[in-house]
């Protein structure tokens, strides 16, 4: 009898603890609503939208998943005065959880039949701090696409993986549910050094063109040295 009472009390207390530790306060509800179409300029510096080319389009099944997970997505191709093209893709979710993984290039491109190689982490120096990015190459037939991307969880840009999990945990322990963003920059090029140099240039130009509040949403707030 006493054992049954003890087990029952333990189950109740465990359920109560789980409920207490479950984040309920959404950061997205306390901030200005994002509109990616307005936030990201269609023209800046020497770049403007090239409507003749669109970034990688996912299959209908994956697109349906994305539509359920994300509040907004944005895909554009930009071209500069020299004819260089950069593809930009952004996915924003008001509830940043493990579902963000579906839009990571390692998953998204692989599901489209691409081979993924040359993965590495990088710290991109900008006028606003060092941005943690991940790089990889997606190839399929004659298409060779070097990719740079980063993940923002709440108010911090982090490397996907362990750092991302830790940032999610920090918010969870405070009872908050962070929003999140995945920003992907890519181009079609077999010269990786040239491609990444151009992508870095594009990212720096884009960040400089944004209003401070929009830039913060895109890359977070950098830690003080």
N, C-alpha and C. Protein backbone atom coordinates (compact mmCIF):
# COMPACT_ATOMS: atom_id res chain seq x y z
N UNK A 1 0.84 -1.20 0.00
CA UNK A 1 0.00 0.00 0.00
C UNK A 1 0.88 1.26 0.00
N UNK A 2 1.86 1.26 0.95
CA UNK A 2 2.76 2.41 1.04
C UNK A 2 3.56 2.58 -0.25
N UNK A 3 3.94 1.44 -0.87
CA UNK A 3 4.69 1.48 -2.13
C UNK A 3 3.87 2.12 -3.23
N UNK A 4 2.60 1.77 -3.29
CA UNK A 4 1.71 2.32 -4.32
C UNK A 4 1.54 3.82 -4.14
N UNK A 5 1.40 4.24 -2.87
CA UNK A 5 1.25 5.66 -2.58
C UNK A 5 2.52 6.42 -2.98
N UNK A 6 3.69 5.83 -2.66
CA UNK A 6 4.97 6.46 -2.98
C UNK A 6 5.14 6.60 -4.49
N UNK A 7 4.83 5.52 -5.22
CA UNK A 7 4.97 5.54 -6.68
C UNK A 7 4.01 6.56 -7.30
N UNK A 8 2.80 6.64 -6.73
CA UNK A 8 1.84 7.60 -7.25
C UNK A 8 2.31 9.02 -7.03
N UNK A 9 2.84 9.28 -5.83
CA UNK A 9 3.35 10.62 -5.53
C UNK A 9 4.52 10.97 -6.43
N UNK A 10 5.38 9.98 -6.70
CA UNK A 10 6.55 10.19 -7.55
C UNK A 10 6.12 10.54 -8.98
N UNK A 11 5.10 9.84 -9.47
CA UNK A 11 4.61 10.11 -10.82
C UNK A 11 4.03 11.51 -10.92
N UNK A 12 3.28 11.91 -9.90
CA UNK A 12 2.66 13.24 -9.90
C UNK A 12 3.73 14.32 -9.87
N UNK A 13 4.74 14.14 -8.97
CA UNK A 13 5.80 15.14 -8.85
C UNK A 13 6.63 15.21 -10.12
N UNK A 14 6.86 14.06 -10.77
CA UNK A 14 7.63 14.04 -12.02
C UNK A 14 6.89 14.78 -13.12
N UNK A 15 5.57 14.56 -13.20
CA UNK A 15 4.75 15.24 -14.21
C UNK A 15 4.74 16.74 -13.96
N UNK A 16 4.66 17.13 -12.68
CA UNK A 16 4.65 18.55 -12.33
C UNK A 16 5.97 19.20 -12.69
N UNK A 17 7.09 18.47 -12.43
CA UNK A 17 8.42 19.01 -12.74
C UNK A 17 8.58 19.17 -14.25
N UNK A 18 8.12 18.20 -15.01
CA UNK A 18 8.20 18.28 -16.47
C UNK A 18 7.43 19.48 -16.99
N UNK A 19 6.23 19.68 -16.43
CA UNK A 19 5.41 20.81 -16.84
C UNK A 19 6.08 22.13 -16.49
N UNK A 20 6.69 22.17 -15.30
CA UNK A 20 7.35 23.40 -14.84
C UNK A 20 8.55 23.75 -15.71
N UNK A 21 9.24 22.71 -16.22
CA UNK A 21 10.45 22.94 -17.01
C UNK A 21 10.17 23.08 -18.51
N UNK A 22 8.90 22.93 -18.90
CA UNK A 22 8.55 23.07 -20.31
C UNK A 22 8.43 24.55 -20.68
N UNK A 23 9.27 25.04 -21.61
CA UNK A 23 9.22 26.46 -21.99
C UNK A 23 7.86 26.82 -22.58
N UNK A 24 7.33 27.96 -22.18
CA UNK A 24 6.02 28.37 -22.66
C UNK A 24 6.00 29.78 -23.24
N UNK A 25 7.01 30.59 -22.91
CA UNK A 25 7.03 32.00 -23.32
C UNK A 25 7.76 32.16 -24.64
N UNK A 26 7.05 32.46 -25.70
CA UNK A 26 7.66 32.59 -27.01
C UNK A 26 8.29 33.97 -27.19
N UNK A 27 9.59 33.97 -27.49
CA UNK A 27 10.30 35.22 -27.72
C UNK A 27 9.70 35.97 -28.91
N UNK A 28 9.26 35.22 -29.92
CA UNK A 28 8.71 35.85 -31.13
C UNK A 28 7.49 36.71 -30.84
N UNK A 29 6.72 36.33 -29.81
CA UNK A 29 5.51 37.08 -29.47
C UNK A 29 5.82 38.42 -28.81
N UNK A 30 7.07 38.58 -28.36
CA UNK A 30 7.46 39.80 -27.66
C UNK A 30 8.25 40.77 -28.54
N UNK A 31 8.41 40.40 -29.81
CA UNK A 31 9.20 41.22 -30.72
C UNK A 31 8.34 41.68 -31.91
N UNK A 32 8.86 42.66 -32.62
CA UNK A 32 8.21 43.12 -33.84
C UNK A 32 8.16 41.97 -34.85
N UNK A 33 7.04 41.80 -35.51
CA UNK A 33 6.89 40.72 -36.47
C UNK A 33 7.85 40.90 -37.65
N UNK A 34 8.41 39.79 -38.08
CA UNK A 34 9.35 39.81 -39.20
C UNK A 34 8.61 39.73 -40.53
N UNK A 35 9.07 40.51 -41.50
CA UNK A 35 8.61 40.40 -42.88
C UNK A 35 9.87 40.33 -43.74
N UNK A 36 10.26 39.12 -44.12
CA UNK A 36 11.52 38.94 -44.84
C UNK A 36 11.57 39.70 -46.16
N UNK A 37 10.44 39.79 -46.83
CA UNK A 37 10.40 40.50 -48.12
C UNK A 37 10.77 41.96 -47.96
N UNK A 38 10.35 42.56 -46.86
CA UNK A 38 10.65 43.97 -46.60
C UNK A 38 12.01 44.14 -45.92
N UNK A 39 12.36 43.16 -45.10
CA UNK A 39 13.59 43.25 -44.33
C UNK A 39 14.83 43.17 -45.20
N UNK A 40 14.82 42.27 -46.18
CA UNK A 40 15.98 42.07 -47.05
C UNK A 40 15.80 42.93 -48.31
N UNK A 41 16.68 43.91 -48.53
CA UNK A 41 16.52 44.81 -49.69
C UNK A 41 16.66 44.08 -51.02
N UNK A 42 15.87 44.50 -51.99
CA UNK A 42 15.94 43.89 -53.32
C UNK A 42 17.14 44.41 -54.11
N UNK A 43 17.70 45.53 -53.66
CA UNK A 43 18.88 46.09 -54.30
C UNK A 43 19.73 46.80 -53.25
N UNK A 44 21.03 46.55 -53.27
CA UNK A 44 21.95 47.21 -52.34
C UNK A 44 23.35 47.15 -52.94
N UNK A 45 24.13 48.19 -52.65
CA UNK A 45 25.49 48.29 -53.19
C UNK A 45 25.44 48.03 -54.69
N UNK A 46 26.19 47.04 -55.17
CA UNK A 46 26.19 46.73 -56.60
C UNK A 46 25.33 45.51 -56.94
N UNK A 47 24.50 45.07 -55.99
CA UNK A 47 23.69 43.87 -56.16
C UNK A 47 22.21 44.21 -56.38
N UNK A 48 21.58 43.44 -57.25
CA UNK A 48 20.14 43.55 -57.46
C UNK A 48 19.59 42.16 -57.78
N UNK A 49 18.28 42.00 -57.62
CA UNK A 49 17.66 40.70 -57.85
C UNK A 49 17.72 40.32 -59.33
N UNK A 50 18.11 39.08 -59.59
CA UNK A 50 18.08 38.51 -60.94
C UNK A 50 16.92 37.52 -60.97
N UNK A 51 15.83 37.91 -61.60
CA UNK A 51 14.62 37.08 -61.58
C UNK A 51 14.66 35.95 -62.60
N UNK A 52 15.75 35.84 -63.36
CA UNK A 52 15.84 34.78 -64.36
C UNK A 52 16.29 33.45 -63.75
N UNK A 53 16.81 33.51 -62.51
CA UNK A 53 17.31 32.30 -61.85
C UNK A 53 16.79 32.26 -60.42
N UNK A 54 16.33 31.08 -59.98
CA UNK A 54 15.88 30.91 -58.61
C UNK A 54 16.77 29.87 -57.93
N UNK A 55 16.97 30.00 -56.61
CA UNK A 55 17.76 28.99 -55.89
C UNK A 55 17.10 27.62 -55.95
N UNK A 56 17.79 26.63 -55.41
CA UNK A 56 17.30 25.26 -55.42
C UNK A 56 15.86 25.16 -54.93
N UNK A 57 15.01 24.54 -55.72
CA UNK A 57 13.62 24.33 -55.34
C UNK A 57 13.45 22.90 -54.81
N UNK A 58 12.83 22.76 -53.65
CA UNK A 58 12.66 21.45 -53.05
C UNK A 58 11.45 20.74 -53.64
N UNK A 59 11.37 19.43 -53.41
CA UNK A 59 10.23 18.65 -53.90
C UNK A 59 8.98 19.02 -53.11
N UNK A 60 7.79 18.75 -53.66
CA UNK A 60 6.53 19.14 -53.00
C UNK A 60 6.37 18.62 -51.58
N UNK A 61 6.81 17.39 -51.31
CA UNK A 61 6.68 16.82 -49.98
C UNK A 61 7.50 17.62 -48.96
N UNK A 62 8.75 17.92 -49.33
CA UNK A 62 9.61 18.70 -48.43
C UNK A 62 9.06 20.11 -48.27
N UNK A 63 8.55 20.70 -49.34
CA UNK A 63 7.98 22.04 -49.26
C UNK A 63 6.80 22.09 -48.32
N UNK A 64 5.98 21.06 -48.33
CA UNK A 64 4.83 21.00 -47.41
C UNK A 64 5.30 20.97 -45.96
N UNK A 65 6.40 20.24 -45.70
CA UNK A 65 6.96 20.20 -44.35
C UNK A 65 7.47 21.57 -43.94
N UNK A 66 8.15 22.22 -44.88
CA UNK A 66 8.68 23.56 -44.60
C UNK A 66 7.56 24.54 -44.29
N UNK A 67 6.47 24.44 -45.03
CA UNK A 67 5.34 25.35 -44.83
C UNK A 67 4.71 25.17 -43.45
N UNK A 68 4.77 23.93 -42.92
CA UNK A 68 4.21 23.66 -41.60
C UNK A 68 5.14 24.13 -40.49
N UNK A 69 6.44 24.12 -40.76
CA UNK A 69 7.43 24.41 -39.73
C UNK A 69 7.74 25.90 -39.62
N UNK A 70 7.88 26.57 -40.78
CA UNK A 70 8.36 27.94 -40.78
C UNK A 70 7.24 28.96 -40.97
N UNK A 71 7.41 30.10 -40.31
CA UNK A 71 6.49 31.20 -40.52
C UNK A 71 6.72 31.84 -41.87
N UNK A 72 8.01 31.92 -42.27
CA UNK A 72 8.34 32.57 -43.54
C UNK A 72 9.60 31.96 -44.16
N UNK A 73 9.64 31.96 -45.47
CA UNK A 73 10.87 31.61 -46.19
C UNK A 73 11.06 32.63 -47.31
N UNK A 74 12.31 32.83 -47.69
CA UNK A 74 12.64 33.78 -48.76
C UNK A 74 13.74 33.18 -49.62
N UNK A 75 13.55 33.19 -50.92
CA UNK A 75 14.59 32.71 -51.85
C UNK A 75 14.76 33.73 -52.97
N UNK A 76 16.00 34.14 -53.17
CA UNK A 76 16.31 35.11 -54.22
C UNK A 76 17.66 34.81 -54.85
N UNK A 77 17.83 35.29 -56.07
CA UNK A 77 19.14 35.29 -56.71
C UNK A 77 19.52 36.74 -56.99
N UNK A 78 20.73 37.11 -56.61
CA UNK A 78 21.23 38.46 -56.85
C UNK A 78 22.34 38.41 -57.90
N UNK A 79 22.48 39.49 -58.65
CA UNK A 79 23.54 39.62 -59.63
C UNK A 79 24.21 40.98 -59.46
N UNK A 80 25.52 41.03 -59.67
CA UNK A 80 26.21 42.32 -59.54
C UNK A 80 26.58 42.88 -60.91
N UNK A 81 27.28 43.98 -60.93
CA UNK A 81 27.61 44.66 -62.19
C UNK A 81 28.52 43.83 -63.09
N UNK A 82 29.23 42.85 -62.48
CA UNK A 82 30.15 42.03 -63.25
C UNK A 82 29.53 40.71 -63.71
N UNK A 83 28.27 40.52 -63.39
CA UNK A 83 27.59 39.29 -63.80
C UNK A 83 27.72 38.15 -62.81
N UNK A 84 28.31 38.40 -61.64
CA UNK A 84 28.41 37.35 -60.61
C UNK A 84 27.05 37.17 -59.95
N UNK A 85 26.68 35.92 -59.72
CA UNK A 85 25.38 35.61 -59.13
C UNK A 85 25.54 34.93 -57.78
N UNK A 86 24.71 35.36 -56.84
CA UNK A 86 24.66 34.77 -55.50
C UNK A 86 23.22 34.41 -55.20
N UNK A 87 23.01 33.19 -54.70
CA UNK A 87 21.67 32.75 -54.31
C UNK A 87 21.52 32.87 -52.80
N UNK A 88 20.41 33.43 -52.39
CA UNK A 88 20.12 33.66 -50.97
C UNK A 88 18.83 32.93 -50.59
N UNK A 89 18.88 32.21 -49.50
CA UNK A 89 17.68 31.52 -48.99
C UNK A 89 17.62 31.72 -47.48
N UNK A 90 16.46 32.14 -46.98
CA UNK A 90 16.28 32.37 -45.54
C UNK A 90 15.01 31.64 -45.09
N UNK A 91 15.12 30.92 -43.97
CA UNK A 91 13.95 30.28 -43.36
C UNK A 91 13.83 30.80 -41.94
N UNK A 92 12.66 31.32 -41.58
CA UNK A 92 12.43 31.85 -40.24
C UNK A 92 11.30 31.08 -39.55
N UNK A 93 11.56 30.69 -38.30
CA UNK A 93 10.53 30.02 -37.51
C UNK A 93 10.37 30.68 -36.16
N UNK A 94 9.15 30.96 -35.75
CA UNK A 94 8.89 31.59 -34.48
C UNK A 94 9.12 30.65 -33.30
N UNK A 95 9.13 29.34 -33.57
CA UNK A 95 9.39 28.34 -32.54
C UNK A 95 10.59 27.54 -33.00
N UNK A 96 11.77 27.92 -32.52
CA UNK A 96 13.01 27.32 -33.00
C UNK A 96 13.27 26.01 -32.28
N UNK A 97 13.05 24.91 -32.98
CA UNK A 97 13.31 23.60 -32.39
C UNK A 97 14.12 22.75 -33.34
N UNK A 98 14.11 21.45 -33.10
CA UNK A 98 14.90 20.55 -33.93
C UNK A 98 14.41 20.52 -35.37
N UNK A 99 13.18 20.98 -35.62
CA UNK A 99 12.64 20.95 -36.97
C UNK A 99 13.43 21.83 -37.94
N UNK A 100 14.20 22.78 -37.40
CA UNK A 100 14.99 23.64 -38.26
C UNK A 100 15.97 22.81 -39.09
N UNK A 101 16.29 21.60 -38.60
CA UNK A 101 17.27 20.75 -39.28
C UNK A 101 16.83 20.38 -40.69
N UNK A 102 15.53 20.38 -40.94
CA UNK A 102 15.04 19.97 -42.25
C UNK A 102 15.50 20.93 -43.35
N UNK A 103 15.81 22.17 -42.98
CA UNK A 103 16.19 23.16 -43.98
C UNK A 103 17.71 23.31 -44.09
N UNK A 104 18.46 22.60 -43.28
CA UNK A 104 19.91 22.67 -43.37
C UNK A 104 20.35 22.07 -44.71
N UNK A 105 21.34 22.68 -45.35
CA UNK A 105 21.78 22.19 -46.66
C UNK A 105 22.16 20.71 -46.66
N UNK A 106 22.75 20.23 -45.57
CA UNK A 106 23.11 18.82 -45.50
C UNK A 106 21.91 17.91 -45.70
N UNK A 107 20.75 18.37 -45.23
CA UNK A 107 19.51 17.59 -45.35
C UNK A 107 18.78 17.94 -46.64
N UNK A 108 18.59 19.24 -46.85
CA UNK A 108 17.79 19.72 -47.98
C UNK A 108 18.39 19.29 -49.32
N UNK A 109 19.68 19.50 -49.51
CA UNK A 109 20.32 19.15 -50.77
C UNK A 109 20.44 17.64 -50.95
N UNK A 110 20.77 16.95 -49.87
CA UNK A 110 20.90 15.50 -49.94
C UNK A 110 19.58 14.85 -50.39
N UNK A 111 18.47 15.37 -49.87
CA UNK A 111 17.16 14.82 -50.22
C UNK A 111 16.82 15.06 -51.69
N UNK A 112 17.52 16.03 -52.32
CA UNK A 112 17.30 16.32 -53.73
C UNK A 112 18.29 15.58 -54.63
N UNK A 113 19.07 14.67 -54.04
CA UNK A 113 19.98 13.85 -54.83
C UNK A 113 21.39 14.41 -54.98
N UNK A 114 21.72 15.44 -54.18
CA UNK A 114 23.06 16.03 -54.26
C UNK A 114 24.04 15.26 -53.37
N UNK A 115 25.31 15.26 -53.77
CA UNK A 115 26.38 14.72 -52.95
C UNK A 115 26.96 15.86 -52.12
N UNK A 116 27.11 15.64 -50.82
CA UNK A 116 27.61 16.67 -49.91
C UNK A 116 29.06 16.38 -49.55
N UNK A 117 29.93 17.39 -49.67
CA UNK A 117 31.35 17.18 -49.38
C UNK A 117 31.98 18.47 -48.86
N UNK A 118 33.24 18.34 -48.44
CA UNK A 118 34.08 19.48 -48.03
C UNK A 118 33.40 20.35 -46.96
N UNK A 119 32.86 19.71 -45.93
CA UNK A 119 32.21 20.46 -44.85
C UNK A 119 33.26 21.05 -43.90
N UNK A 120 33.05 22.28 -43.49
CA UNK A 120 33.97 22.94 -42.57
C UNK A 120 33.26 24.07 -41.84
N UNK A 121 33.84 24.49 -40.71
CA UNK A 121 33.32 25.63 -39.96
C UNK A 121 34.23 26.82 -40.18
N UNK A 122 33.65 28.02 -40.08
CA UNK A 122 34.41 29.21 -40.40
C UNK A 122 33.91 30.38 -39.55
N UNK A 123 34.80 31.31 -39.26
CA UNK A 123 34.42 32.56 -38.60
C UNK A 123 34.60 33.69 -39.61
N UNK A 124 33.49 34.24 -40.06
CA UNK A 124 33.53 35.31 -41.06
C UNK A 124 33.64 36.66 -40.37
N UNK A 125 34.73 37.36 -40.64
CA UNK A 125 34.94 38.68 -40.05
C UNK A 125 34.09 39.72 -40.76
N UNK A 126 33.25 40.43 -40.00
CA UNK A 126 32.42 41.49 -40.55
C UNK A 126 32.63 42.76 -39.73
N UNK A 127 32.04 43.86 -40.17
CA UNK A 127 32.14 45.11 -39.42
C UNK A 127 31.37 45.06 -38.11
N UNK A 128 30.61 43.98 -37.91
CA UNK A 128 29.73 43.89 -36.74
C UNK A 128 30.13 42.74 -35.81
N UNK A 129 31.24 42.07 -36.11
CA UNK A 129 31.72 40.97 -35.30
C UNK A 129 32.01 39.75 -36.16
N UNK A 130 32.52 38.71 -35.53
CA UNK A 130 32.83 37.48 -36.25
C UNK A 130 31.60 36.57 -36.30
N UNK A 131 31.15 36.29 -37.50
CA UNK A 131 29.94 35.50 -37.71
C UNK A 131 30.30 34.02 -37.89
N UNK A 132 29.82 33.14 -37.00
CA UNK A 132 30.11 31.71 -37.15
C UNK A 132 29.31 31.09 -38.30
N UNK A 133 30.00 30.54 -39.27
CA UNK A 133 29.33 29.98 -40.44
C UNK A 133 29.81 28.55 -40.69
N UNK A 134 29.02 27.84 -41.45
CA UNK A 134 29.40 26.51 -41.89
C UNK A 134 29.46 26.49 -43.41
N UNK A 135 30.43 25.76 -43.96
CA UNK A 135 30.58 25.68 -45.40
C UNK A 135 30.56 24.24 -45.87
N UNK A 136 30.08 24.04 -47.07
CA UNK A 136 30.06 22.72 -47.68
C UNK A 136 29.85 22.88 -49.17
N UNK A 137 30.00 21.79 -49.90
CA UNK A 137 29.79 21.80 -51.35
C UNK A 137 28.73 20.76 -51.69
N UNK A 138 27.72 21.17 -52.44
CA UNK A 138 26.68 20.27 -52.93
C UNK A 138 26.89 20.08 -54.44
N UNK A 139 27.04 18.86 -54.88
CA UNK A 139 27.28 18.61 -56.30
C UNK A 139 26.32 17.56 -56.85
N UNK A 140 25.91 17.79 -58.09
CA UNK A 140 25.00 16.87 -58.77
C UNK A 140 25.21 17.05 -60.27
N UNK A 141 25.76 16.03 -60.91
CA UNK A 141 26.06 16.15 -62.34
C UNK A 141 27.08 17.26 -62.57
N UNK A 142 26.74 18.18 -63.46
CA UNK A 142 27.64 19.29 -63.78
C UNK A 142 27.49 20.47 -62.82
N UNK A 143 26.52 20.40 -61.92
CA UNK A 143 26.26 21.50 -60.99
C UNK A 143 27.14 21.36 -59.74
N UNK A 144 27.97 22.35 -59.48
CA UNK A 144 28.82 22.36 -58.30
C UNK A 144 28.51 23.63 -57.51
N UNK A 145 27.94 23.47 -56.31
CA UNK A 145 27.41 24.61 -55.57
C UNK A 145 28.06 24.76 -54.19
N UNK A 146 29.07 25.62 -54.06
CA UNK A 146 29.63 25.93 -52.76
C UNK A 146 28.58 26.70 -51.93
N UNK A 147 28.49 26.36 -50.65
CA UNK A 147 27.45 26.93 -49.77
C UNK A 147 28.05 27.45 -48.48
N UNK A 148 27.59 28.61 -48.07
CA UNK A 148 27.89 29.16 -46.75
C UNK A 148 26.56 29.38 -46.03
N UNK A 149 26.46 28.93 -44.78
CA UNK A 149 25.21 29.20 -44.06
C UNK A 149 25.46 29.34 -42.57
N UNK A 150 24.47 29.95 -41.90
CA UNK A 150 24.53 30.06 -40.45
C UNK A 150 23.13 29.94 -39.86
N UNK A 151 23.11 29.67 -38.56
CA UNK A 151 21.86 29.51 -37.82
C UNK A 151 21.81 30.55 -36.71
N UNK A 152 20.67 31.20 -36.56
CA UNK A 152 20.48 32.14 -35.45
C UNK A 152 19.40 31.57 -34.53
N UNK A 153 19.74 31.42 -33.27
CA UNK A 153 18.79 30.96 -32.25
C UNK A 153 18.56 32.10 -31.28
N UNK A 154 17.36 32.66 -31.27
CA UNK A 154 17.09 33.81 -30.42
C UNK A 154 17.97 34.98 -30.82
N UNK A 155 18.79 35.46 -29.90
CA UNK A 155 19.61 36.64 -30.17
C UNK A 155 21.07 36.30 -30.44
N UNK A 156 21.35 35.05 -30.87
CA UNK A 156 22.74 34.66 -31.08
C UNK A 156 22.89 33.79 -32.33
N UNK A 157 23.87 34.13 -33.16
CA UNK A 157 24.24 33.28 -34.29
C UNK A 157 25.17 32.20 -33.76
N UNK A 158 24.90 30.95 -34.09
CA UNK A 158 25.68 29.83 -33.58
C UNK A 158 25.96 28.83 -34.69
N UNK A 159 26.98 28.01 -34.48
CA UNK A 159 27.23 26.93 -35.42
C UNK A 159 26.17 25.86 -35.21
N UNK A 160 25.66 25.26 -36.29
CA UNK A 160 24.67 24.19 -36.13
C UNK A 160 25.28 23.01 -35.40
N UNK A 161 24.47 22.31 -34.62
CA UNK A 161 24.99 21.18 -33.88
C UNK A 161 25.01 21.46 -32.39
N UNK A 162 26.14 21.21 -31.74
CA UNK A 162 26.24 21.34 -30.29
C UNK A 162 25.96 22.77 -29.82
N UNK A 163 26.57 23.77 -30.49
CA UNK A 163 26.36 25.16 -30.07
C UNK A 163 24.88 25.54 -30.18
N UNK A 164 24.24 25.04 -31.23
CA UNK A 164 22.81 25.32 -31.42
C UNK A 164 21.99 24.71 -30.30
N UNK A 165 22.31 23.47 -29.92
CA UNK A 165 21.59 22.78 -28.85
C UNK A 165 21.77 23.51 -27.52
N UNK A 166 23.00 23.96 -27.24
CA UNK A 166 23.28 24.66 -26.00
C UNK A 166 22.48 25.97 -25.92
N UNK A 167 22.42 26.68 -27.04
CA UNK A 167 21.67 27.95 -27.06
C UNK A 167 20.18 27.69 -26.85
N UNK A 168 19.66 26.62 -27.45
CA UNK A 168 18.25 26.26 -27.23
C UNK A 168 18.01 25.93 -25.76
N UNK A 169 18.98 25.21 -25.15
CA UNK A 169 18.84 24.81 -23.75
C UNK A 169 18.84 26.02 -22.83
N UNK A 170 19.69 27.01 -23.14
CA UNK A 170 19.73 28.22 -22.32
C UNK A 170 18.35 28.88 -22.26
N UNK A 171 17.72 28.99 -23.42
CA UNK A 171 16.38 29.59 -23.45
C UNK A 171 15.37 28.72 -22.71
N UNK A 172 15.48 27.40 -22.93
CA UNK A 172 14.54 26.49 -22.30
C UNK A 172 14.59 26.55 -20.79
N UNK A 173 15.79 26.66 -20.23
CA UNK A 173 15.94 26.71 -18.78
C UNK A 173 15.37 28.00 -18.19
N UNK A 174 15.26 29.03 -19.03
CA UNK A 174 14.67 30.29 -18.56
C UNK A 174 13.17 30.34 -18.83
N UNK A 175 12.63 29.24 -19.36
CA UNK A 175 11.19 29.17 -19.63
C UNK A 175 10.78 29.81 -20.93
N UNK A 176 11.76 30.11 -21.81
CA UNK A 176 11.47 30.80 -23.06
C UNK A 176 11.65 29.88 -24.28
N UNK A 177 10.87 30.14 -25.31
CA UNK A 177 10.98 29.43 -26.58
C UNK A 177 11.56 30.41 -27.60
N UNK A 178 12.80 30.20 -28.05
CA UNK A 178 13.41 31.16 -28.99
C UNK A 178 12.88 31.02 -30.39
N UNK A 179 12.94 32.11 -31.15
CA UNK A 179 12.69 31.99 -32.58
C UNK A 179 14.02 31.63 -33.23
N UNK A 180 14.01 31.37 -34.50
CA UNK A 180 15.25 30.95 -35.16
C UNK A 180 15.24 31.24 -36.64
N UNK A 181 16.44 31.30 -37.19
CA UNK A 181 16.60 31.61 -38.60
C UNK A 181 17.77 30.83 -39.18
N UNK A 182 17.60 30.36 -40.40
CA UNK A 182 18.70 29.75 -41.13
C UNK A 182 18.91 30.55 -42.40
N UNK A 183 20.13 31.04 -42.58
CA UNK A 183 20.47 31.87 -43.75
C UNK A 183 21.48 31.12 -44.60
N UNK A 184 21.15 30.91 -45.87
CA UNK A 184 22.01 30.16 -46.79
C UNK A 184 22.43 31.03 -47.97
N UNK A 185 23.73 31.07 -48.21
CA UNK A 185 24.29 31.80 -49.35
C UNK A 185 25.01 30.78 -50.23
N UNK A 186 24.77 30.80 -51.53
CA UNK A 186 25.45 29.83 -52.40
C UNK A 186 25.64 30.40 -53.80
N UNK A 187 26.46 29.71 -54.57
CA UNK A 187 26.70 30.11 -55.96
C UNK A 187 27.14 28.88 -56.74
N UNK A 188 27.05 28.96 -58.06
CA UNK A 188 27.46 27.86 -58.93
C UNK A 188 28.88 28.15 -59.41
N UNK A 189 29.83 27.35 -58.94
CA UNK A 189 31.23 27.65 -59.25
C UNK A 189 32.09 26.44 -58.90
N UNK A 190 33.05 26.11 -59.74
CA UNK A 190 33.97 25.02 -59.44
C UNK A 190 35.22 25.52 -58.73
N UNK A 191 35.42 26.82 -58.74
CA UNK A 191 36.54 27.42 -58.04
C UNK A 191 36.09 27.80 -56.63
N UNK A 192 36.38 26.95 -55.65
CA UNK A 192 35.86 27.16 -54.30
C UNK A 192 36.39 28.44 -53.66
N UNK A 193 37.67 28.72 -53.83
CA UNK A 193 38.24 29.93 -53.23
C UNK A 193 37.56 31.18 -53.77
N UNK A 194 37.36 31.21 -55.08
CA UNK A 194 36.69 32.35 -55.72
C UNK A 194 35.25 32.46 -55.24
N UNK A 195 34.56 31.32 -55.15
CA UNK A 195 33.15 31.31 -54.74
C UNK A 195 33.00 31.82 -53.31
N UNK A 196 33.80 31.30 -52.39
CA UNK A 196 33.67 31.71 -50.99
C UNK A 196 34.08 33.16 -50.78
N UNK A 197 35.07 33.62 -51.54
CA UNK A 197 35.47 35.02 -51.45
C UNK A 197 34.33 35.94 -51.88
N UNK A 198 33.63 35.56 -52.95
CA UNK A 198 32.49 36.34 -53.43
C UNK A 198 31.33 36.27 -52.44
N UNK A 199 31.09 35.09 -51.87
CA UNK A 199 30.02 34.94 -50.90
C UNK A 199 30.28 35.79 -49.65
N UNK A 200 31.53 35.79 -49.19
CA UNK A 200 31.89 36.62 -48.03
C UNK A 200 31.65 38.10 -48.32
N UNK A 201 32.03 38.51 -49.51
CA UNK A 201 31.84 39.90 -49.94
C UNK A 201 30.35 40.24 -49.94
N UNK A 202 29.53 39.34 -50.48
CA UNK A 202 28.09 39.54 -50.55
C UNK A 202 27.49 39.67 -49.14
N UNK A 203 27.90 38.78 -48.24
CA UNK A 203 27.36 38.80 -46.88
C UNK A 203 27.69 40.13 -46.19
N UNK A 204 28.93 40.56 -46.32
CA UNK A 204 29.33 41.83 -45.69
C UNK A 204 28.55 43.01 -46.27
N UNK A 205 28.35 43.00 -47.57
CA UNK A 205 27.60 44.08 -48.21
C UNK A 205 26.14 44.07 -47.76
N UNK A 206 25.56 42.88 -47.65
CA UNK A 206 24.17 42.75 -47.22
C UNK A 206 24.00 43.24 -45.79
N UNK A 207 24.89 42.82 -44.89
CA UNK A 207 24.79 43.23 -43.50
C UNK A 207 24.91 44.74 -43.35
N UNK A 208 25.79 45.35 -44.14
CA UNK A 208 25.98 46.80 -44.07
C UNK A 208 24.77 47.55 -44.58
N UNK A 209 23.99 46.91 -45.47
CA UNK A 209 22.83 47.56 -46.07
C UNK A 209 21.59 47.48 -45.18
N UNK A 210 21.61 46.60 -44.19
CA UNK A 210 20.44 46.41 -43.34
C UNK A 210 20.35 47.45 -42.22
N UNK A 211 19.14 47.75 -41.81
CA UNK A 211 18.94 48.55 -40.61
C UNK A 211 19.42 47.74 -39.41
N UNK A 212 19.83 48.42 -38.36
CA UNK A 212 20.40 47.73 -37.21
C UNK A 212 19.46 46.68 -36.64
N UNK A 213 18.18 47.01 -36.50
CA UNK A 213 17.23 46.07 -35.92
C UNK A 213 17.05 44.83 -36.80
N UNK A 214 17.11 45.03 -38.11
CA UNK A 214 16.98 43.90 -39.03
C UNK A 214 18.26 43.06 -39.06
N UNK A 215 19.39 43.74 -38.97
CA UNK A 215 20.67 43.02 -38.94
C UNK A 215 20.76 42.15 -37.68
N UNK A 216 20.25 42.67 -36.57
CA UNK A 216 20.27 41.92 -35.32
C UNK A 216 19.42 40.66 -35.45
N UNK A 217 18.28 40.76 -36.12
CA UNK A 217 17.44 39.58 -36.31
C UNK A 217 18.13 38.54 -37.19
N UNK A 218 18.96 39.02 -38.12
CA UNK A 218 19.61 38.12 -39.08
C UNK A 218 20.84 37.43 -38.49
N UNK A 219 21.63 38.14 -37.69
CA UNK A 219 22.88 37.57 -37.19
C UNK A 219 22.98 37.59 -35.66
N UNK A 220 21.97 38.12 -34.98
CA UNK A 220 22.01 38.15 -33.53
C UNK A 220 22.92 39.24 -32.99
N UNK A 221 23.20 39.14 -31.71
CA UNK A 221 24.08 40.09 -31.03
C UNK A 221 25.36 39.37 -30.69
N UNK A 222 26.50 39.93 -31.08
CA UNK A 222 27.77 39.26 -30.83
C UNK A 222 28.22 39.46 -29.40
N UNK A 223 28.90 38.47 -28.87
CA UNK A 223 29.44 38.56 -27.52
C UNK A 223 30.54 39.63 -27.47
N UNK A 224 30.63 40.31 -26.34
CA UNK A 224 31.70 41.29 -26.17
C UNK A 224 33.03 40.58 -26.00
N UNK A 225 34.09 41.21 -26.51
CA UNK A 225 35.41 40.60 -26.41
C UNK A 225 35.88 40.58 -24.96
